[in-house]
């Protein structure tokens, strides 16, 4: 991947604790690489292209954390579909080698597939060793470490010209594994600081939502969001270069018991030459995603919110859910009132020109993705609402596309899709949860991002994924297709395939 094709992600934290992790392989502790096999990755902050084989086409990673492996239910696995001029396909539609199944039973991957490991519950990609090939990071928060139950583990598979190299992997665990910590609950990778050639790995655990980074060859604790005024619970990580300084910023999001879990909050850490630094709190914390919506060169942050309160707190009422947009600038993400404002620009199904109407339990904004669908140079926003009723079917799910423009997000030209939309395979059924995961991704290299939408509860919990093509006018239902885990060679029964899709 060329330097112009890469983007970077940075975050800053001045007080960095002593090493808190072990980086393991089958041979024991793995030292940080001292030399790189290829040309280091680009100098930008956030790489939104998951290109494991360096062919210039984005690859897609999908998690099935409830998947059965070697008879072990909930051991979990991930699927990797390699991009190409004709996009991604399945084992039945593309040449051999374009689809890969990875689990802890895969030779070379640290650990062993066991009941409830949930390998694939968290996924991230980034060039950790700086060799120009993206690497895959997979969290298994249910992994036991010795006799310590649910301590959690993160596995790294390194990219190469042949794709992910299962013979070159690493396992990352806490230096002192703790029961129920669920290390690897969420993961991210980006270039948060400038002292190494590769990206840094960021990991969350459940016990206090500690934030860790793989930084300059050492895994360190950055801190916890507790000091931000809101005790966060949840596990969402997003990265973006919101101040366009060449370093990625990190957003840690979740819900807080301080307000009875009714609203989400996010803690912003800014990247810098040496480390990540806590900056401030932001409203919103359900789904999160980043991209340049208004084309000004600064990444913008989009956050989901279950519901709002009154305007005196900076929030808006919307029973079906909200999304908030913080626009990037020299001072980082900016709210509706300008730099430093907590309140974002709020959107809901009740906003002008947005299809539908917000209803209780829609979960509009449960998942988000930001990328350019129509090739106009402005990133668009995909909004998933797995609780949306479709033609009277409760919880069938729906997906919206809102357009980016030079002046920011707009409802003009917004699109809505569900499984009953003509041209989309299948039929809307109660409880499918279509849109529980969404991703806009350009897998065929035409500079237009297709929509990948998942319904993890499809077919009584087997799960399935849909792909909607992109065009100069937006997303297309015609030509869309769907597939389940079995089409890629995975076990389907109860896998909840599509529970996680790498952003």
Protein backbone atom coordinates (compact mmCIF):
# COMPACT_ATOMS: atom_id res chain seq x y z
CA UNK A 1 0.00 0.00 0.00
CA UNK A 2 1.44 3.39 -0.92
CA UNK A 3 1.83 6.21 1.56
CA UNK A 4 -0.90 8.17 -0.19
CA UNK A 5 -3.33 5.30 0.32
CA UNK A 6 -2.74 5.15 4.04
CA UNK A 7 -4.17 7.31 6.83
CA UNK A 8 -3.12 7.40 10.49
CA UNK A 9 -4.60 7.54 13.96
CA UNK A 10 -3.05 9.25 17.02
CA UNK A 11 -3.78 9.76 20.70
CA UNK A 12 -1.94 11.35 23.65
CA UNK A 13 -1.54 10.49 27.33
CA UNK A 14 1.22 12.07 29.37
CA UNK A 15 1.27 9.78 32.38
CA UNK A 16 2.13 6.31 31.13
CA UNK A 17 2.35 3.46 33.61
CA UNK A 18 4.94 0.68 33.58
CA UNK A 19 4.56 -2.22 31.18
CA UNK A 20 1.29 -4.01 31.78
CA UNK A 21 1.31 -6.69 29.08
CA UNK A 22 3.17 -9.67 27.82
CA UNK A 23 3.58 -10.22 24.10
CA UNK A 24 3.64 -13.98 23.59
CA UNK A 25 4.27 -16.49 20.83
CA UNK A 26 4.55 -20.23 20.87
CA UNK A 27 8.22 -19.76 21.62
CA UNK A 28 7.61 -17.45 24.60
CA UNK A 29 7.90 -13.69 24.97
CA UNK A 30 8.28 -11.86 21.68
CA UNK A 31 10.46 -8.78 21.60
CA UNK A 32 9.41 -5.78 19.57
CA UNK A 33 10.73 -5.88 16.01
CA UNK A 34 14.05 -4.11 15.64
CA UNK A 35 14.05 -4.12 11.86
CA UNK A 36 11.28 -4.17 9.30
CA UNK A 37 11.13 -6.51 6.35
CA UNK A 38 9.69 -4.02 3.93
CA UNK A 39 9.03 -0.36 3.39
CA UNK A 40 7.40 1.22 6.48
CA UNK A 41 3.82 2.32 6.13
CA UNK A 42 2.78 5.85 5.28
CA UNK A 43 3.09 8.81 7.58
CA UNK A 44 -0.60 9.50 7.97
CA UNK A 45 -2.43 8.78 11.22
CA UNK A 46 -5.37 6.48 10.50
CA UNK A 47 -5.35 3.61 8.03
CA UNK A 48 -8.96 2.82 7.14
CA UNK A 49 -7.88 0.37 4.46
CA UNK A 50 -7.46 -3.18 5.75
CA UNK A 51 -5.00 -4.41 3.15
CA UNK A 52 -3.23 -7.51 4.44
CA UNK A 53 -1.49 -8.48 1.19
CA UNK A 54 -0.60 -5.00 -0.03
CA UNK A 55 -2.40 -5.31 -3.37
CA UNK A 56 -4.20 -1.98 -2.95
CA UNK A 57 -7.64 -3.52 -2.38
CA UNK A 58 -9.37 -3.33 0.99
CA UNK A 59 -10.02 -6.64 2.74
CA UNK A 60 -13.02 -7.38 4.96
CA UNK A 61 -12.91 -9.08 8.37
CA UNK A 62 -16.10 -10.40 9.97
CA UNK A 63 -16.38 -11.91 13.44
CA UNK A 64 -18.43 -14.88 14.60
CA UNK A 65 -17.60 -14.88 18.34
CA UNK A 66 -20.35 -17.42 19.10
CA UNK A 67 -19.11 -19.77 16.38
CA UNK A 68 -18.37 -23.40 17.15
CA UNK A 69 -14.78 -24.54 16.52
CA UNK A 70 -13.69 -28.16 17.00
CA UNK A 71 -16.99 -28.81 18.76
CA UNK A 72 -16.46 -25.99 21.25
CA UNK A 73 -19.46 -23.65 21.25
CA UNK A 74 -18.60 -19.99 21.56
CA UNK A 75 -14.92 -20.56 20.84
CA UNK A 76 -15.29 -18.08 17.99
CA UNK A 77 -13.61 -17.37 14.68
CA UNK A 78 -13.19 -14.63 12.10
CA UNK A 79 -13.49 -14.67 8.33
CA UNK A 80 -11.19 -12.72 6.02
CA UNK A 81 -12.34 -11.84 2.49
CA UNK A 82 -9.67 -10.34 0.28
CA UNK A 83 -10.55 -7.42 -1.98
CA UNK A 84 -10.04 -7.56 -5.74
CA UNK A 85 -11.13 -5.73 -8.93
CA UNK A 86 -14.49 -7.48 -8.65
CA UNK A 87 -14.75 -6.95 -4.89
CA UNK A 88 -15.04 -9.65 -2.25
CA UNK A 89 -16.70 -13.01 -2.68
CA UNK A 90 -17.25 -16.33 -0.97
CA UNK A 91 -15.50 -19.68 -1.27
CA UNK A 92 -17.98 -20.60 -3.98
CA UNK A 93 -17.59 -17.43 -6.04
CA UNK A 94 -13.90 -16.54 -6.02
CA UNK A 95 -10.59 -18.29 -6.62
CA UNK A 96 -8.99 -20.24 -3.80
CA UNK A 97 -7.04 -18.04 -1.44
CA UNK A 98 -9.46 -15.11 -1.45
CA UNK A 99 -11.20 -16.28 1.74
CA UNK A 100 -9.57 -17.26 5.03
CA UNK A 101 -10.99 -18.64 8.29
CA UNK A 102 -8.98 -17.88 11.43
CA UNK A 103 -9.55 -19.26 14.93
CA UNK A 104 -7.44 -20.38 17.85
CA UNK A 105 -7.41 -23.80 16.21
CA UNK A 106 -5.60 -22.32 13.20
CA UNK A 107 -1.99 -23.47 13.22
CA UNK A 108 0.26 -20.75 14.59
CA UNK A 109 -2.48 -18.72 16.31
CA UNK A 110 -1.81 -18.47 20.07
CA UNK A 111 -4.09 -20.40 22.41
CA UNK A 112 -6.58 -23.20 21.90
CA UNK A 113 -10.22 -23.04 20.90
CA UNK A 114 -12.25 -23.48 24.07
CA UNK A 115 -15.86 -23.07 25.08
CA UNK A 116 -16.74 -19.40 25.54
CA UNK A 117 -13.43 -17.85 24.42
CA UNK A 118 -15.34 -15.57 22.03
CA UNK A 119 -12.41 -15.15 19.67
CA UNK A 120 -13.48 -12.44 17.24
CA UNK A 121 -15.59 -10.37 19.63
CA UNK A 122 -13.27 -7.46 18.87
CA UNK A 123 -11.37 -6.81 15.61
CA UNK A 124 -8.93 -4.16 14.46
CA UNK A 125 -6.36 -3.74 11.71
CA UNK A 126 -3.20 -1.69 11.42
CA UNK A 127 0.43 -1.95 10.36
CA UNK A 128 1.95 -2.78 13.76
CA UNK A 129 5.42 -3.70 12.47
CA UNK A 130 5.68 -0.95 9.86
CA UNK A 131 6.41 -3.25 6.93
CA UNK A 132 3.70 -1.82 4.65
CA UNK A 133 1.22 -4.68 5.17
CA UNK A 134 -1.74 -4.33 7.50
CA UNK A 135 -1.96 -6.77 10.39
CA UNK A 136 -5.04 -8.29 12.03
CA UNK A 137 -5.79 -7.86 15.73
CA UNK A 138 -8.41 -10.14 17.30
CA UNK A 139 -9.75 -9.99 20.85
CA UNK A 140 -10.87 -13.09 22.75
CA UNK A 141 -12.18 -11.61 26.02
CA UNK A 142 -13.47 -14.97 27.26
CA UNK A 143 -10.04 -16.62 27.09
CA UNK A 144 -8.83 -18.27 30.29
CA UNK A 145 -5.18 -17.71 31.18
CA UNK A 146 -4.16 -20.80 33.12
CA UNK A 147 -6.64 -21.10 35.97
CA UNK A 148 -7.71 -17.45 35.66
CA UNK A 149 -11.15 -17.45 34.05
CA UNK A 150 -12.15 -14.87 31.46
CA UNK A 151 -8.88 -13.01 31.79
CA UNK A 152 -8.88 -12.34 28.05
CA UNK A 153 -6.29 -12.31 25.30
CA UNK A 154 -5.50 -10.50 22.06
CA UNK A 155 -3.95 -12.22 19.04
CA UNK A 156 -2.00 -10.51 16.25
CA UNK A 157 -1.61 -12.01 12.78
CA UNK A 158 0.89 -10.23 10.58
CA UNK A 159 0.26 -9.35 6.94
CA UNK A 160 2.49 -10.29 4.01
CA UNK A 161 2.48 -10.35 0.21
CA UNK A 162 0.54 -13.62 0.49
CA UNK A 163 -1.96 -12.23 2.97
CA UNK A 164 -2.21 -12.96 6.68
CA UNK A 165 0.67 -15.17 7.76
CA UNK A 166 -0.59 -17.62 10.40
CA UNK A 167 3.00 -18.73 10.90
CA UNK A 168 3.88 -15.27 12.21
CA UNK A 169 1.62 -14.34 15.07
CA UNK A 170 1.72 -12.98 18.61
CA UNK A 171 -0.46 -13.24 21.69
CA UNK A 172 -0.97 -10.26 23.97
CA UNK A 173 -2.10 -10.71 27.57
CA UNK A 174 -2.06 -8.70 30.77
CA UNK A 175 1.16 -9.11 32.75
CA UNK A 176 -1.02 -10.16 35.68
CA UNK A 177 -4.17 -11.79 34.26
CA UNK A 178 -7.24 -11.10 36.37
CA UNK A 179 -10.45 -13.11 36.51
CA UNK A 180 -13.32 -11.53 34.57
CA UNK A 181 -11.12 -8.66 33.31
CA UNK A 182 -11.97 -9.68 29.72
CA UNK A 183 -8.84 -8.12 28.29
CA UNK A 184 -9.43 -7.56 24.57
CA UNK A 185 -13.05 -6.51 24.98
CA UNK A 186 -12.28 -3.82 22.41
CA UNK A 187 -9.21 -3.16 20.28
CA UNK A 188 -7.94 -0.51 17.89
CA UNK A 189 -4.72 0.20 16.01
CA UNK A 190 -3.34 3.48 14.67
CA UNK A 191 -0.31 5.74 14.76
CA UNK A 192 -0.84 7.63 18.00
CA UNK A 193 2.75 8.89 18.36
CA UNK A 194 5.81 9.45 16.22
CA UNK A 195 8.56 7.46 17.85
CA UNK A 196 8.13 4.17 15.96
CA UNK A 197 7.50 3.30 12.32
CA UNK A 198 4.43 1.15 12.91
CA UNK A 199 0.96 1.65 14.34
CA UNK A 200 0.25 1.13 18.03
CA UNK A 201 -2.24 -1.36 19.39
CA UNK A 202 -4.88 -0.12 21.84
CA UNK A 203 -6.76 -2.55 24.09
CA UNK A 204 -9.61 -2.16 26.58
CA UNK A 205 -10.54 -4.50 29.39
CA UNK A 206 -13.79 -4.77 31.30
CA UNK A 207 -12.29 -4.19 34.74
CA UNK A 208 -12.36 -0.45 35.03
CA UNK A 209 -12.09 0.07 31.27
CA UNK A 210 -8.33 0.38 31.45
CA UNK A 211 -6.73 1.73 28.28
CA UNK A 212 -3.51 0.07 27.10
CA UNK A 213 -1.27 0.75 24.12
CA UNK A 214 1.53 -1.14 22.40
CA UNK A 215 3.99 1.70 22.23
CA UNK A 216 7.65 1.68 21.15
CA UNK A 217 7.94 -2.04 21.75
CA UNK A 218 6.30 -2.01 25.18
CA UNK A 219 2.68 -2.60 26.16
CA UNK A 220 1.69 0.10 28.63
CA UNK A 221 -1.31 1.29 30.56
CA UNK A 222 -2.37 4.71 29.31
CA UNK A 223 -4.96 5.23 32.01
CA UNK A 224 -8.67 4.89 32.59
CA UNK A 225 -11.52 7.24 31.75
CA UNK A 226 -12.50 7.35 35.45
CA UNK A 227 -10.84 10.71 35.91
CA UNK A 228 -12.99 12.27 33.20
CA UNK A 229 -16.02 12.67 35.47
CA UNK A 230 -17.95 9.70 34.07
CA UNK A 231 -17.33 6.10 35.03
CA UNK A 232 -17.63 4.50 31.61
CA UNK A 233 -18.86 0.98 31.05
CA UNK A 234 -19.04 -0.47 27.59
CA UNK A 235 -16.37 -1.10 25.05
CA UNK A 236 -16.15 1.13 22.02
CA UNK A 237 -12.96 2.46 20.46
CA UNK A 238 -12.71 4.83 17.52
CA UNK A 239 -9.72 6.60 16.04
CA UNK A 240 -9.36 9.60 13.76
CA UNK A 241 -7.07 12.53 13.14
CA UNK A 242 -9.52 15.20 14.26
CA UNK A 243 -6.96 18.03 14.47
CA UNK A 244 -5.05 16.94 11.34
CA UNK A 245 -1.67 17.02 13.11
CA UNK A 246 -0.55 13.70 11.61
CA UNK A 247 -1.19 11.75 14.82
CA UNK A 248 -4.26 9.65 15.49
CA UNK A 249 -6.64 10.52 18.31
CA UNK A 250 -8.49 7.91 20.36
CA UNK A 251 -12.13 8.00 21.49
CA UNK A 252 -13.19 5.63 24.29
CA UNK A 253 -16.98 5.37 24.51
CA UNK A 254 -19.59 3.69 26.65
CA UNK A 255 -22.39 4.19 29.14
CA UNK A 256 -22.14 5.50 32.67
CA UNK A 257 -23.87 4.27 35.83
CA UNK A 258 -23.71 7.89 36.96
CA UNK A 259 -26.83 8.60 34.89
CA UNK A 260 -28.40 5.12 35.13
CA UNK A 261 -27.01 4.11 31.72
CA UNK A 262 -29.47 6.34 29.93
CA UNK A 263 -26.88 8.29 27.93
CA UNK A 264 -23.55 7.57 26.37
CA UNK A 265 -20.27 9.36 27.00
CA UNK A 266 -16.94 9.40 25.23
CA UNK A 267 -13.46 10.26 26.46
CA UNK A 268 -11.19 11.91 23.89
CA UNK A 269 -7.44 11.21 23.99
CA UNK A 270 -5.34 13.23 21.56
CA UNK A 271 -2.23 11.92 19.84
CA UNK A 272 1.15 13.59 19.81
CA UNK A 273 4.83 13.15 19.13
CA UNK A 274 5.35 11.03 22.25
CA UNK A 275 2.09 9.64 23.62
CA UNK A 276 -1.67 9.90 24.15
CA UNK A 277 -3.15 12.58 26.41
CA UNK A 278 -6.65 12.81 27.84
CA UNK A 279 -8.38 15.88 26.40
CA UNK A 280 -12.08 16.04 27.36
CA UNK A 281 -15.42 14.28 27.56
CA UNK A 282 -18.01 14.26 24.79
CA UNK A 283 -21.71 13.43 24.71
CA UNK A 284 -22.62 10.18 22.94
CA UNK A 285 -21.21 6.70 23.22
CA UNK A 286 -23.19 3.96 21.49
CA UNK A 287 -21.83 3.38 17.99
CA UNK A 288 -18.83 5.48 16.95
CA UNK A 289 -17.11 6.14 13.60
CA UNK A 290 -14.81 8.69 12.00
CA UNK A 291 -14.21 10.22 8.56
CA UNK A 292 -14.06 13.52 6.72
CA UNK A 293 -17.71 14.41 6.08
CA UNK A 294 -17.19 17.97 4.85
CA UNK A 295 -13.93 17.42 2.96
CA UNK A 296 -11.91 20.00 4.89
CA UNK A 297 -9.00 17.67 5.67
CA UNK A 298 -10.01 17.06 9.30
CA UNK A 299 -11.61 13.80 10.41
CA UNK A 300 -15.07 14.20 11.93
CA UNK A 301 -16.45 12.06 14.76
CA UNK A 302 -19.93 10.53 14.70
CA UNK A 303 -21.37 9.05 17.90
CA UNK A 304 -24.58 7.19 18.66
CA UNK A 305 -26.89 7.97 21.55
CA UNK A 306 -29.77 5.93 22.91
CA UNK A 307 -31.97 8.93 23.65
CA UNK A 308 -31.72 12.59 24.59
CA UNK A 309 -32.76 14.86 27.41
CA UNK A 310 -33.42 18.60 27.38
CA UNK A 311 -31.41 21.15 25.45
CA UNK A 312 -29.92 22.69 28.59
CA UNK A 313 -27.64 19.65 28.78
CA UNK A 314 -26.77 19.87 25.10
CA UNK A 315 -28.90 16.92 24.08
CA UNK A 316 -32.03 16.49 21.97
CA UNK A 317 -35.11 14.35 22.50
CA UNK A 318 -35.50 11.40 20.15
CA UNK A 319 -37.15 8.16 21.32
CA UNK A 320 -35.61 6.00 18.59
CA UNK A 321 -32.03 7.13 19.10
CA UNK A 322 -29.70 9.86 17.90
CA UNK A 323 -26.41 10.34 16.19
CA UNK A 324 -24.19 13.29 16.97
CA UNK A 325 -21.57 14.83 14.68
CA UNK A 326 -18.45 16.56 16.01
CA UNK A 327 -16.60 18.30 13.21
CA UNK A 328 -12.81 18.22 13.25
CA UNK A 329 -10.63 21.33 13.35
CA UNK A 330 -7.42 22.75 14.75
CA UNK A 331 -8.71 22.21 18.29
CA UNK A 332 -10.03 18.71 17.64
CA UNK A 333 -13.68 17.59 17.56
CA UNK A 334 -16.00 20.60 17.77
CA UNK A 335 -19.60 20.57 18.94
CA UNK A 336 -22.58 22.53 17.68
CA UNK A 337 -21.52 25.65 19.57
CA UNK A 338 -17.94 25.70 18.28
CA UNK A 339 -14.52 24.62 19.59
CA UNK A 340 -14.61 22.94 22.99
CA UNK A 341 -18.39 22.54 23.01
CA UNK A 342 -19.71 19.29 24.47
CA UNK A 343 -22.92 19.22 22.42
CA UNK A 344 -22.59 17.81 18.89
CA UNK A 345 -24.85 18.44 15.92
CA UNK A 346 -27.67 15.99 16.64
CA UNK A 347 -29.52 13.95 14.01
CA UNK A 348 -32.42 11.53 14.28
CA UNK A 349 -35.13 9.97 12.13
CA UNK A 350 -37.13 13.10 12.91
CA UNK A 351 -34.55 15.39 11.30
CA UNK A 352 -35.47 17.11 8.01
CA UNK A 353 -35.40 14.81 4.95
CA UNK A 354 -34.39 11.72 6.97
CA UNK A 355 -36.74 8.82 6.11
CA UNK A 356 -38.94 7.28 8.77
CA UNK A 357 -39.88 8.35 12.28
CA UNK A 358 -38.09 7.63 15.53
CA UNK A 359 -39.81 5.04 17.72
CA UNK A 360 -38.88 3.56 21.05
CA UNK A 361 -36.36 0.69 20.80
CA UNK A 362 -35.29 1.47 17.20
CA UNK A 363 -31.67 1.78 18.37
CA UNK A 364 -30.97 4.22 15.55
CA UNK A 365 -27.21 4.74 15.64
CA UNK A 366 -26.44 1.38 17.28
CA UNK A 367 -23.65 1.06 14.71
CA UNK A 368 -22.13 3.62 12.35
CA UNK A 369 -19.70 3.81 9.46
CA UNK A 370 -18.25 6.81 7.64
CA UNK A 371 -16.86 6.68 4.09
CA UNK A 372 -17.46 8.09 0.62
CA UNK A 373 -20.19 6.09 -1.16
CA UNK A 374 -20.81 8.17 -4.29
CA UNK A 375 -17.23 9.26 -5.03
CA UNK A 376 -17.87 12.98 -4.59
CA UNK A 377 -15.02 13.45 -2.12
CA UNK A 378 -17.25 13.82 0.95
CA UNK A 379 -17.68 10.95 3.41
CA UNK A 380 -21.22 9.69 3.94
CA UNK A 381 -22.64 8.13 7.12
CA UNK A 382 -24.29 4.71 7.34
CA UNK A 383 -26.61 4.38 10.34
CA UNK A 384 -27.76 0.99 11.60
CA UNK A 385 -30.99 0.56 13.57
CA UNK A 386 -31.40 -3.15 14.41
CA UNK A 387 -34.54 -2.47 16.44
CA UNK A 388 -36.40 -0.80 13.58
CA UNK A 389 -39.77 -2.32 12.66
CA UNK A 390 -40.07 -3.17 8.96
CA UNK A 391 -43.55 -3.57 7.52
CA UNK A 392 -44.89 -4.49 10.92
CA UNK A 393 -42.11 -6.93 11.80
CA UNK A 394 -40.69 -5.77 15.14
CA UNK A 395 -36.93 -5.61 15.38
CA UNK A 396 -36.39 -6.59 11.75
CA UNK A 397 -33.86 -3.77 11.41
CA UNK A 398 -32.99 -1.08 8.90
CA UNK A 399 -30.07 0.96 7.56
CA UNK A 400 -29.89 4.64 6.52
CA UNK A 401 -27.35 6.51 4.44
CA UNK A 402 -26.92 10.24 5.13
CA UNK A 403 -24.81 12.28 2.73
CA UNK A 404 -21.72 14.35 3.34
CA UNK A 405 -21.34 17.77 1.73
CA UNK A 406 -19.00 20.75 1.88
CA UNK A 407 -21.21 22.21 4.60
CA UNK A 408 -21.43 18.98 6.57
CA UNK A 409 -23.97 16.20 6.98
CA UNK A 410 -27.32 16.59 5.25
CA UNK A 411 -30.61 14.73 5.11
CA UNK A 412 -31.03 15.68 1.45
CA UNK A 413 -30.71 12.56 -0.66
CA UNK A 414 -30.81 10.26 2.37
CA UNK A 415 -31.58 6.60 1.66
CA UNK A 416 -33.30 3.87 3.68
CA UNK A 417 -33.08 0.09 3.24
CA UNK A 418 -34.42 -3.02 4.93
CA UNK A 419 -34.79 -6.64 3.87
CA UNK A 420 -38.11 -5.86 2.21
CA UNK A 421 -36.57 -3.22 -0.06
CA UNK A 422 -36.99 -4.47 -3.66
CA UNK A 423 -33.74 -6.00 -4.89
CA UNK A 424 -32.40 -6.96 -1.46
CA UNK A 425 -32.34 -10.73 -0.83
CA UNK A 426 -34.44 -12.25 1.90
CA UNK A 427 -37.40 -10.88 3.81
CA UNK A 428 -37.74 -8.77 6.91
CA UNK A 429 -38.54 -10.96 9.90
CA UNK A 430 -39.11 -10.13 13.53
CA UNK A 431 -35.90 -10.03 15.54
CA UNK A 432 -33.45 -10.29 12.64
CA UNK A 433 -31.62 -7.14 13.77
CA UNK A 434 -30.58 -6.18 10.23
CA UNK A 435 -28.10 -3.31 10.55
CA UNK A 436 -26.71 -4.37 13.93
CA UNK A 437 -23.34 -3.94 12.22
CA UNK A 438 -22.67 -1.70 9.21
CA UNK A 439 -19.53 -0.91 7.30
CA UNK A 440 -18.87 1.24 4.24
CA UNK A 441 -15.88 -0.27 2.45
CA UNK A 442 -14.36 -0.02 -1.03
CA UNK A 443 -13.26 -3.59 -1.78
CA UNK A 444 -13.05 -3.20 -5.57
CA UNK A 445 -10.91 -0.06 -5.69
CA UNK A 446 -13.35 2.17 -7.60
CA UNK A 447 -13.28 4.95 -4.94
CA UNK A 448 -16.89 4.22 -3.98
CA UNK A 449 -17.66 2.39 -0.76
CA UNK A 450 -20.18 -0.44 -0.75
CA UNK A 451 -22.37 -1.13 2.27
CA UNK A 452 -21.84 -4.27 4.31
CA UNK A 453 -24.79 -4.81 6.65
CA UNK A 454 -25.13 -7.68 9.10
CA UNK A 455 -28.07 -9.37 10.79
CA UNK A 456 -26.45 -11.56 13.48
CA UNK A 457 -29.81 -13.01 14.54
CA UNK A 458 -30.84 -14.02 11.01
CA UNK A 459 -31.93 -17.67 10.70
CA UNK A 460 -32.40 -18.19 14.45
CA UNK A 461 -28.98 -16.89 15.36
CA UNK A 462 -26.83 -18.22 12.54
CA UNK A 463 -26.32 -14.70 11.20
CA UNK A 464 -25.80 -13.35 7.71
CA UNK A 465 -24.20 -10.43 5.87
CA UNK A 466 -25.48 -8.35 2.93
CA UNK A 467 -23.48 -6.29 0.44
CA UNK A 468 -25.12 -3.34 -1.36
CA UNK A 469 -23.20 -1.93 -4.34
CA UNK A 470 -22.19 1.72 -4.55
CA UNK A 471 -22.82 4.13 -7.41
CA UNK A 472 -22.50 7.82 -8.21
CA UNK A 473 -26.04 8.23 -6.87
CA UNK A 474 -25.52 6.36 -3.62
CA UNK A 475 -26.18 2.77 -2.58
CA UNK A 476 -28.04 0.32 -4.80
CA UNK A 477 -30.44 -2.43 -3.77
CA UNK A 478 -30.24 -3.93 -7.26
CA UNK A 479 -27.24 -6.20 -7.47
CA UNK A 480 -27.05 -6.70 -3.70
CA UNK A 481 -26.30 -10.15 -2.31
CA UNK A 482 -26.15 -11.97 0.99
CA UNK A 483 -24.26 -14.89 2.47
CA UNK A 484 -23.75 -16.69 5.77
CA UNK A 485 -20.75 -18.22 7.49
CA UNK A 486 -21.15 -21.55 5.72
CA UNK A 487 -20.51 -19.89 2.34
CA UNK A 488 -17.06 -18.93 3.63
CA UNK A 489 -16.28 -22.31 5.17
CA UNK A 490 -17.29 -21.52 8.75
CA UNK A 491 -19.69 -23.33 11.05
CA UNK A 492 -23.05 -21.61 10.87
CA UNK A 493 -25.24 -22.94 13.69
CA UNK A 494 -25.69 -20.27 16.34
CA UNK A 495 -22.54 -18.43 15.22
CA UNK A 496 -24.20 -15.01 15.08
CA UNK A 497 -22.05 -14.35 12.05
CA UNK A 498 -21.67 -10.61 11.51
CA UNK A 499 -21.74 -9.73 15.22
CA UNK A 500 -18.54 -7.81 14.53
CA UNK A 501 -17.26 -6.20 11.34
CA UNK A 502 -13.92 -4.41 11.29
CA UNK A 503 -14.29 -0.69 10.66
